[in-house]
Amino acid sequence: MTKSKKSIDFQLIMERLRIATKSKSNAALARTLNIAPSTVGTWTSRETIPYEHCVQVSNETGYTLDWIVSGKGKQEPVQIPYNINAEEIKSSLMEGLFTAIQLRGITVQDGIKIGDVADILMTELQENHPSIFAEDKAKAG
């Protein structure tokens, strides 16, 4: 008797989940995912894996979702070349917003202009995240 395609696919996905999480067993995989081992047992008996757990493993390990689900692509985590700190993120966001404000007259879609979108985003940031601007105000003052 041969295994069904569903059974083979399930086993391969489970194996890739174990590889990505460096889990040697289904019980270890369950611990990594913060779920009960019986949950993984249910997956095995039904030969189904909830998609959100594949996404979780991808997000937490750097392995692509495509590789986890289909086996396509590289069998290694995607490496981010460097750590980005909060100041770099803030600087990049602010630079982008100020550039957008300078391009005020360009229409993006349905009569909406880039500058209008940037104004809305800046207002939202200033109202909801005043700490982002506190340092800039201190430097200016």
N, C-alpha and C. Protein backbone atom coordinates (compact mmCIF):
# COMPACT_ATOMS: atom_id res chain seq x y z
N MET A 1 0.84 -1.18 0.00
CA MET A 1 0.00 0.00 0.00
C MET A 1 0.89 1.25 0.00
N THR A 2 0.62 2.18 -0.90
CA THR A 2 1.41 3.40 -0.98
C THR A 2 0.76 4.51 -0.18
N LYS A 3 1.59 5.44 0.24
CA LYS A 3 1.06 6.59 0.99
C LYS A 3 0.39 7.55 0.02
N SER A 4 -0.66 8.22 0.50
CA SER A 4 -1.35 9.20 -0.32
C SER A 4 -0.50 10.46 -0.44
N LYS A 5 -0.77 11.27 -1.47
CA LYS A 5 -0.05 12.54 -1.66
C LYS A 5 -0.23 13.43 -0.44
N LYS A 6 -1.46 13.45 0.11
CA LYS A 6 -1.73 14.29 1.29
C LYS A 6 -0.82 13.87 2.43
N SER A 7 -0.68 12.57 2.64
CA SER A 7 0.16 12.05 3.72
C SER A 7 1.62 12.43 3.52
N ILE A 8 2.10 12.32 2.27
CA ILE A 8 3.48 12.67 1.98
C ILE A 8 3.71 14.16 2.19
N ASP A 9 2.80 15.00 1.67
CA ASP A 9 2.92 16.45 1.84
C ASP A 9 2.92 16.83 3.32
N PHE A 10 2.02 16.23 4.08
CA PHE A 10 1.93 16.51 5.51
C PHE A 10 3.25 16.18 6.19
N GLN A 11 3.78 14.99 5.91
CA GLN A 11 5.03 14.56 6.55
C GLN A 11 6.19 15.49 6.18
N LEU A 12 6.23 15.93 4.93
CA LEU A 12 7.30 16.84 4.49
C LEU A 12 7.19 18.20 5.17
N ILE A 13 5.97 18.71 5.30
CA ILE A 13 5.78 20.00 5.98
C ILE A 13 6.18 19.86 7.45
N MET A 14 5.76 18.77 8.09
CA MET A 14 6.13 18.56 9.49
C MET A 14 7.65 18.50 9.63
N GLU A 15 8.31 17.81 8.71
CA GLU A 15 9.77 17.72 8.76
C GLU A 15 10.40 19.10 8.60
N ARG A 16 9.88 19.92 7.68
CA ARG A 16 10.43 21.27 7.50
C ARG A 16 10.17 22.14 8.73
N LEU A 17 9.01 21.97 9.38
CA LEU A 17 8.75 22.71 10.63
C LEU A 17 9.76 22.32 11.70
N ARG A 18 10.06 21.02 11.79
CA ARG A 18 11.04 20.55 12.78
C ARG A 18 12.44 21.08 12.44
N ILE A 19 12.80 21.09 11.16
CA ILE A 19 14.11 21.62 10.76
C ILE A 19 14.20 23.10 11.11
N ALA A 20 13.20 23.87 10.74
CA ALA A 20 13.21 25.31 10.97
C ALA A 20 13.30 25.66 12.45
N THR A 21 12.63 24.87 13.28
CA THR A 21 12.61 25.16 14.72
C THR A 21 13.69 24.40 15.49
N LYS A 22 14.48 23.62 14.75
CA LYS A 22 15.53 22.78 15.37
C LYS A 22 14.93 21.84 16.41
N SER A 23 13.75 21.32 16.10
CA SER A 23 13.06 20.39 16.99
C SER A 23 13.32 18.97 16.53
N LYS A 24 13.74 18.11 17.44
CA LYS A 24 14.05 16.73 17.08
C LYS A 24 12.83 15.82 17.11
N SER A 25 11.73 16.33 17.68
CA SER A 25 10.52 15.51 17.78
C SER A 25 9.28 16.39 17.69
N ASN A 26 8.13 15.74 17.56
CA ASN A 26 6.88 16.50 17.54
C ASN A 26 6.63 17.16 18.89
N ALA A 27 7.05 16.50 19.97
CA ALA A 27 6.87 17.09 21.31
C ALA A 27 7.71 18.36 21.44
N ALA A 28 8.93 18.33 20.90
CA ALA A 28 9.79 19.51 20.94
C ALA A 28 9.20 20.62 20.07
N LEU A 29 8.64 20.26 18.92
CA LEU A 29 7.98 21.24 18.06
C LEU A 29 6.82 21.90 18.81
N ALA A 30 6.03 21.10 19.51
CA ALA A 30 4.91 21.63 20.29
C ALA A 30 5.40 22.63 21.33
N ARG A 31 6.48 22.30 22.04
CA ARG A 31 7.04 23.22 23.04
C ARG A 31 7.47 24.53 22.38
N THR A 32 8.11 24.44 21.23
CA THR A 32 8.57 25.63 20.51
C THR A 32 7.39 26.52 20.13
N LEU A 33 6.29 25.90 19.72
CA LEU A 33 5.11 26.65 19.28
C LEU A 33 4.20 27.04 20.44
N ASN A 34 4.56 26.65 21.66
CA ASN A 34 3.74 26.92 22.85
C ASN A 34 2.34 26.33 22.72
N ILE A 35 2.28 25.09 22.24
CA ILE A 35 1.01 24.38 22.14
C ILE A 35 1.17 23.02 22.81
N ALA A 36 0.08 22.39 23.12
CA ALA A 36 0.11 21.08 23.76
C ALA A 36 0.59 20.02 22.77
N PRO A 37 1.38 19.07 23.23
CA PRO A 37 1.80 17.98 22.35
C PRO A 37 0.60 17.24 21.72
N SER A 38 -0.51 17.19 22.45
CA SER A 38 -1.69 16.53 21.89
C SER A 38 -2.22 17.27 20.67
N THR A 39 -1.97 18.58 20.59
CA THR A 39 -2.39 19.34 19.42
C THR A 39 -1.64 18.86 18.18
N VAL A 40 -0.33 18.66 18.33
CA VAL A 40 0.46 18.14 17.21
C VAL A 40 0.00 16.72 16.88
N GLY A 41 -0.39 15.96 17.91
CA GLY A 41 -0.94 14.63 17.67
C GLY A 41 -2.22 14.68 16.85
N THR A 42 -3.04 15.68 17.10
CA THR A 42 -4.28 15.86 16.32
C THR A 42 -3.94 16.19 14.87
N TRP A 43 -2.93 17.07 14.69
CA TRP A 43 -2.50 17.38 13.32
C TRP A 43 -2.12 16.09 12.60
N THR A 44 -1.37 15.25 13.29
CA THR A 44 -0.88 14.01 12.68
C THR A 44 -2.03 13.09 12.31
N SER A 45 -2.99 12.94 13.20
CA SER A 45 -4.11 12.04 12.90
C SER A 45 -4.98 12.59 11.78
N ARG A 46 -5.07 13.90 11.66
CA ARG A 46 -5.89 14.52 10.60
C ARG A 46 -5.08 14.86 9.35
N GLU A 47 -3.76 14.78 9.48
CA GLU A 47 -2.85 15.15 8.41
C GLU A 47 -3.10 16.58 7.92
N THR A 48 -3.28 17.48 8.88
CA THR A 48 -3.44 18.91 8.58
C THR A 48 -2.66 19.72 9.59
N ILE A 49 -2.15 20.83 9.13
CA ILE A 49 -1.42 21.76 10.00
C ILE A 49 -2.05 23.13 9.82
N PRO A 50 -2.47 23.77 10.91
CA PRO A 50 -3.02 25.12 10.76
C PRO A 50 -1.99 26.07 10.14
N TYR A 51 -2.42 26.79 9.14
CA TYR A 51 -1.55 27.69 8.39
C TYR A 51 -0.86 28.70 9.30
N GLU A 52 -1.59 29.17 10.31
CA GLU A 52 -1.00 30.21 11.18
C GLU A 52 0.26 29.72 11.89
N HIS A 53 0.37 28.41 12.11
CA HIS A 53 1.59 27.90 12.75
C HIS A 53 2.75 27.87 11.77
N CYS A 54 2.46 27.64 10.50
CA CYS A 54 3.51 27.74 9.48
C CYS A 54 4.00 29.18 9.38
N VAL A 55 3.08 30.13 9.43
CA VAL A 55 3.44 31.55 9.39
C VAL A 55 4.26 31.91 10.63
N GLN A 56 3.83 31.42 11.79
CA GLN A 56 4.55 31.68 13.04
C GLN A 56 5.99 31.20 12.95
N VAL A 57 6.18 29.97 12.47
CA VAL A 57 7.53 29.43 12.35
C VAL A 57 8.35 30.26 11.37
N SER A 58 7.75 30.65 10.26
CA SER A 58 8.45 31.47 9.28
C SER A 58 8.89 32.79 9.91
N ASN A 59 7.98 33.45 10.60
CA ASN A 59 8.29 34.74 11.23
C ASN A 59 9.36 34.62 12.30
N GLU A 60 9.32 33.55 13.07
CA GLU A 60 10.23 33.42 14.20
C GLU A 60 11.60 32.87 13.82
N THR A 61 11.69 32.16 12.70
CA THR A 61 12.95 31.51 12.35
C THR A 61 13.66 32.12 11.15
N GLY A 62 12.92 32.86 10.31
CA GLY A 62 13.53 33.42 9.11
C GLY A 62 13.44 32.51 7.89
N TYR A 63 12.99 31.27 8.07
CA TYR A 63 12.76 30.39 6.92
C TYR A 63 11.56 30.94 6.16
N THR A 64 11.61 30.89 4.84
CA THR A 64 10.49 31.44 4.07
C THR A 64 9.27 30.55 4.21
N LEU A 65 8.12 31.18 4.17
CA LEU A 65 6.86 30.44 4.23
C LEU A 65 6.75 29.50 3.03
N ASP A 66 7.22 29.95 1.89
CA ASP A 66 7.20 29.12 0.69
C ASP A 66 7.97 27.83 0.91
N TRP A 67 9.15 27.91 1.53
CA TRP A 67 9.94 26.70 1.79
C TRP A 67 9.23 25.79 2.79
N ILE A 68 8.70 26.38 3.85
CA ILE A 68 8.04 25.57 4.87
C ILE A 68 6.86 24.81 4.28
N VAL A 69 6.04 25.49 3.49
CA VAL A 69 4.82 24.88 2.97
C VAL A 69 5.06 23.99 1.75
N SER A 70 5.95 24.43 0.85
CA SER A 70 6.10 23.69 -0.41
C SER A 70 7.47 23.05 -0.61
N GLY A 71 8.45 23.46 0.17
CA GLY A 71 9.80 22.96 -0.02
C GLY A 71 10.56 23.70 -1.11
N LYS A 72 9.94 24.72 -1.71
CA LYS A 72 10.60 25.48 -2.78
C LYS A 72 11.46 26.58 -2.17
N GLY A 73 12.53 26.89 -2.85
CA GLY A 73 13.41 27.94 -2.37
C GLY A 73 14.52 27.36 -1.51
N LYS A 74 15.23 28.26 -0.84
CA LYS A 74 16.39 27.86 -0.05
C LYS A 74 15.97 27.19 1.25
N GLN A 75 16.73 26.18 1.63
CA GLN A 75 16.48 25.49 2.89
C GLN A 75 17.37 26.10 3.97
N GLU A 76 17.25 27.39 4.13
CA GLU A 76 18.00 28.10 5.16
C GLU A 76 17.26 29.39 5.49
N PRO A 77 17.44 29.87 6.71
CA PRO A 77 16.73 31.10 7.06
C PRO A 77 17.28 32.28 6.27
N VAL A 78 16.41 33.23 6.00
CA VAL A 78 16.80 34.47 5.35
C VAL A 78 17.47 35.32 6.41
N GLN A 79 18.66 35.78 6.13
CA GLN A 79 19.41 36.57 7.10
C GLN A 79 19.21 38.06 6.83
N ILE A 80 18.89 38.79 7.86
CA ILE A 80 18.84 40.24 7.76
C ILE A 80 20.28 40.71 7.94
N PRO A 81 20.80 41.51 7.01
CA PRO A 81 22.22 41.83 7.03
C PRO A 81 22.69 42.60 8.25
N TYR A 82 21.83 43.34 8.90
CA TYR A 82 22.24 44.09 10.08
C TYR A 82 21.01 44.39 10.92
N ASN A 83 21.27 44.71 12.15
CA ASN A 83 20.18 45.10 13.05
C ASN A 83 19.84 46.56 12.82
N ILE A 84 18.56 46.84 12.77
CA ILE A 84 18.10 48.21 12.59
C ILE A 84 17.59 48.69 13.94
N ASN A 85 18.13 49.78 14.41
CA ASN A 85 17.66 50.28 15.71
C ASN A 85 16.51 51.25 15.51
N ALA A 86 15.87 51.59 16.58
CA ALA A 86 14.68 52.45 16.53
C ALA A 86 14.98 53.80 15.91
N GLU A 87 16.17 54.33 16.18
CA GLU A 87 16.53 55.65 15.64
C GLU A 87 16.63 55.60 14.11
N GLU A 88 17.18 54.51 13.58
CA GLU A 88 17.27 54.36 12.11
C GLU A 88 15.88 54.26 11.48
N ILE A 89 15.00 53.53 12.13
CA ILE A 89 13.64 53.38 11.62
C ILE A 89 12.95 54.74 11.63
N LYS A 90 13.06 55.44 12.75
CA LYS A 90 12.44 56.77 12.86
C LYS A 90 12.98 57.70 11.79
N SER A 91 14.29 57.71 11.62
CA SER A 91 14.92 58.59 10.64
C SER A 91 14.43 58.27 9.23
N SER A 92 14.35 57.00 8.89
CA SER A 92 13.89 56.60 7.55
C SER A 92 12.44 56.98 7.33
N LEU A 93 11.60 56.74 8.34
CA LEU A 93 10.19 57.11 8.22
C LEU A 93 10.02 58.61 8.04
N MET A 94 10.72 59.37 8.86
CA MET A 94 10.59 60.82 8.80
C MET A 94 11.10 61.35 7.46
N GLU A 95 12.20 60.81 6.98
CA GLU A 95 12.74 61.23 5.68
C GLU A 95 11.72 60.96 4.58
N GLY A 96 11.11 59.78 4.63
CA GLY A 96 10.10 59.44 3.63
C GLY A 96 8.89 60.36 3.70
N LEU A 97 8.44 60.66 4.90
CA LEU A 97 7.29 61.55 5.05
C LEU A 97 7.60 62.97 4.58
N PHE A 98 8.78 63.47 4.92
CA PHE A 98 9.13 64.81 4.49
C PHE A 98 9.28 64.88 2.97
N THR A 99 9.82 63.82 2.38
CA THR A 99 9.91 63.76 0.91
C THR A 99 8.52 63.77 0.31
N ALA A 100 7.62 63.00 0.90
CA ALA A 100 6.24 62.94 0.40
C ALA A 100 5.57 64.31 0.50
N ILE A 101 5.83 65.03 1.58
CA ILE A 101 5.24 66.36 1.74
C ILE A 101 5.76 67.30 0.66
N GLN A 102 7.03 67.16 0.30
CA GLN A 102 7.61 67.99 -0.75
C GLN A 102 7.00 67.67 -2.12
N LEU A 103 6.52 66.45 -2.29
CA LEU A 103 5.90 66.04 -3.55
C LEU A 103 4.38 66.25 -3.48
N ARG A 104 3.98 67.19 -2.69
CA ARG A 104 2.59 67.47 -2.36
C ARG A 104 1.64 67.40 -3.55
N GLY A 105 2.02 67.90 -4.71
CA GLY A 105 1.09 68.02 -5.82
C GLY A 105 0.87 66.76 -6.64
N ILE A 106 1.64 65.71 -6.41
CA ILE A 106 1.50 64.50 -7.23
C ILE A 106 0.29 63.70 -6.78
N THR A 107 -0.58 63.38 -7.74
CA THR A 107 -1.78 62.60 -7.44
C THR A 107 -1.44 61.12 -7.50
N VAL A 108 -1.83 60.40 -6.46
CA VAL A 108 -1.53 58.97 -6.38
C VAL A 108 -2.66 58.16 -7.00
N GLN A 109 -3.87 58.37 -6.50
CA GLN A 109 -5.01 57.56 -6.93
C GLN A 109 -6.29 58.31 -6.59
N ASP A 110 -7.25 58.24 -7.46
CA ASP A 110 -8.57 58.82 -7.22
C ASP A 110 -8.51 60.26 -6.69
N GLY A 111 -7.57 61.06 -7.21
CA GLY A 111 -7.49 62.46 -6.80
C GLY A 111 -6.79 62.68 -5.47
N ILE A 112 -6.30 61.64 -4.84
CA ILE A 112 -5.59 61.78 -3.56
C ILE A 112 -4.14 62.13 -3.86
N LYS A 113 -3.65 63.15 -3.20
CA LYS A 113 -2.29 63.61 -3.44
C LYS A 113 -1.34 63.07 -2.37
N ILE A 114 -0.09 62.85 -2.78
CA ILE A 114 0.92 62.32 -1.86
C ILE A 114 1.03 63.19 -0.61
N GLY A 115 1.05 64.49 -0.80
CA GLY A 115 1.19 65.41 0.33
C GLY A 115 0.06 65.27 1.33
N ASP A 116 -1.15 65.03 0.83
CA ASP A 116 -2.30 64.86 1.74
C ASP A 116 -2.14 63.62 2.61
N VAL A 117 -1.67 62.54 1.99
CA VAL A 117 -1.44 61.30 2.74
C VAL A 117 -0.35 61.52 3.78
N ALA A 118 0.73 62.19 3.38
CA ALA A 118 1.82 62.47 4.31
C ALA A 118 1.35 63.34 5.47
N ASP A 119 0.52 64.35 5.18
CA ASP A 119 -0.02 65.21 6.24
C ASP A 119 -0.82 64.39 7.26
N ILE A 120 -1.64 63.49 6.75
CA ILE A 120 -2.46 62.63 7.63
C ILE A 120 -1.55 61.77 8.51
N LEU A 121 -0.53 61.16 7.89
CA LEU A 121 0.38 60.31 8.65
C LEU A 121 1.15 61.10 9.70
N MET A 122 1.62 62.29 9.34
CA MET A 122 2.36 63.12 10.30
C MET A 122 1.46 63.51 11.48
N THR A 123 0.23 63.89 11.18
CA THR A 123 -0.72 64.25 12.24
C THR A 123 -0.96 63.07 13.17
N GLU A 124 -1.17 61.89 12.58
CA GLU A 124 -1.38 60.67 13.37
C GLU A 124 -0.17 60.40 14.28
N LEU A 125 1.03 60.50 13.72
CA LEU A 125 2.23 60.27 14.51
C LEU A 125 2.36 61.29 15.64
N GLN A 126 2.15 62.56 15.34
CA GLN A 126 2.27 63.59 16.36
C GLN A 126 1.25 63.42 17.48
N GLU A 127 0.02 63.05 17.13
CA GLU A 127 -1.04 62.89 18.14
C GLU A 127 -0.90 61.61 18.93
N ASN A 128 -0.55 60.52 18.26
CA ASN A 128 -0.55 59.21 18.92
C ASN A 128 0.81 58.76 19.44
N HIS A 129 1.87 59.39 18.97
CA HIS A 129 3.22 59.01 19.39
C HIS A 129 4.08 60.25 19.61
N PRO A 130 3.71 61.09 20.58
CA PRO A 130 4.43 62.35 20.78
C PRO A 130 5.90 62.15 21.15
N SER A 131 6.26 60.99 21.69
CA SER A 131 7.66 60.76 22.07
C SER A 131 8.58 60.77 20.87
N ILE A 132 8.06 60.46 19.69
CA ILE A 132 8.87 60.48 18.48
C ILE A 132 9.38 61.89 18.22
N PHE A 133 8.56 62.89 18.53
CA PHE A 133 8.90 64.28 18.23
C PHE A 133 9.51 65.01 19.42
N ALA A 134 9.45 64.42 20.61
CA ALA A 134 9.96 65.09 21.80
C ALA A 134 11.46 65.37 21.68
N GLU A 135 12.23 64.41 21.18
CA GLU A 135 13.67 64.57 21.03
C GLU A 135 13.98 65.67 20.02
N ASP A 136 13.24 65.70 18.91
CA ASP A 136 13.46 66.72 17.89
C ASP A 136 13.17 68.12 18.43
N LYS A 137 12.11 68.25 19.23
CA LYS A 137 11.77 69.55 19.82
C LYS A 137 12.85 70.00 20.81
N ALA A 138 13.38 69.02 21.57
CA ALA A 138 14.43 69.34 22.55
C ALA A 138 15.69 69.84 21.85
N LYS A 139 16.04 69.22 20.70
CA LYS A 139 17.21 69.63 19.94
C LYS A 139 17.02 71.02 19.35
N ALA A 140 15.80 71.31 18.89
CA ALA A 140 15.51 72.60 18.25
C ALA A 140 15.47 73.74 19.27
N GLY A 141 15.10 73.42 20.51
CA GLY A 141 14.90 74.45 21.52
C GLY A 141 16.11 74.85 22.24
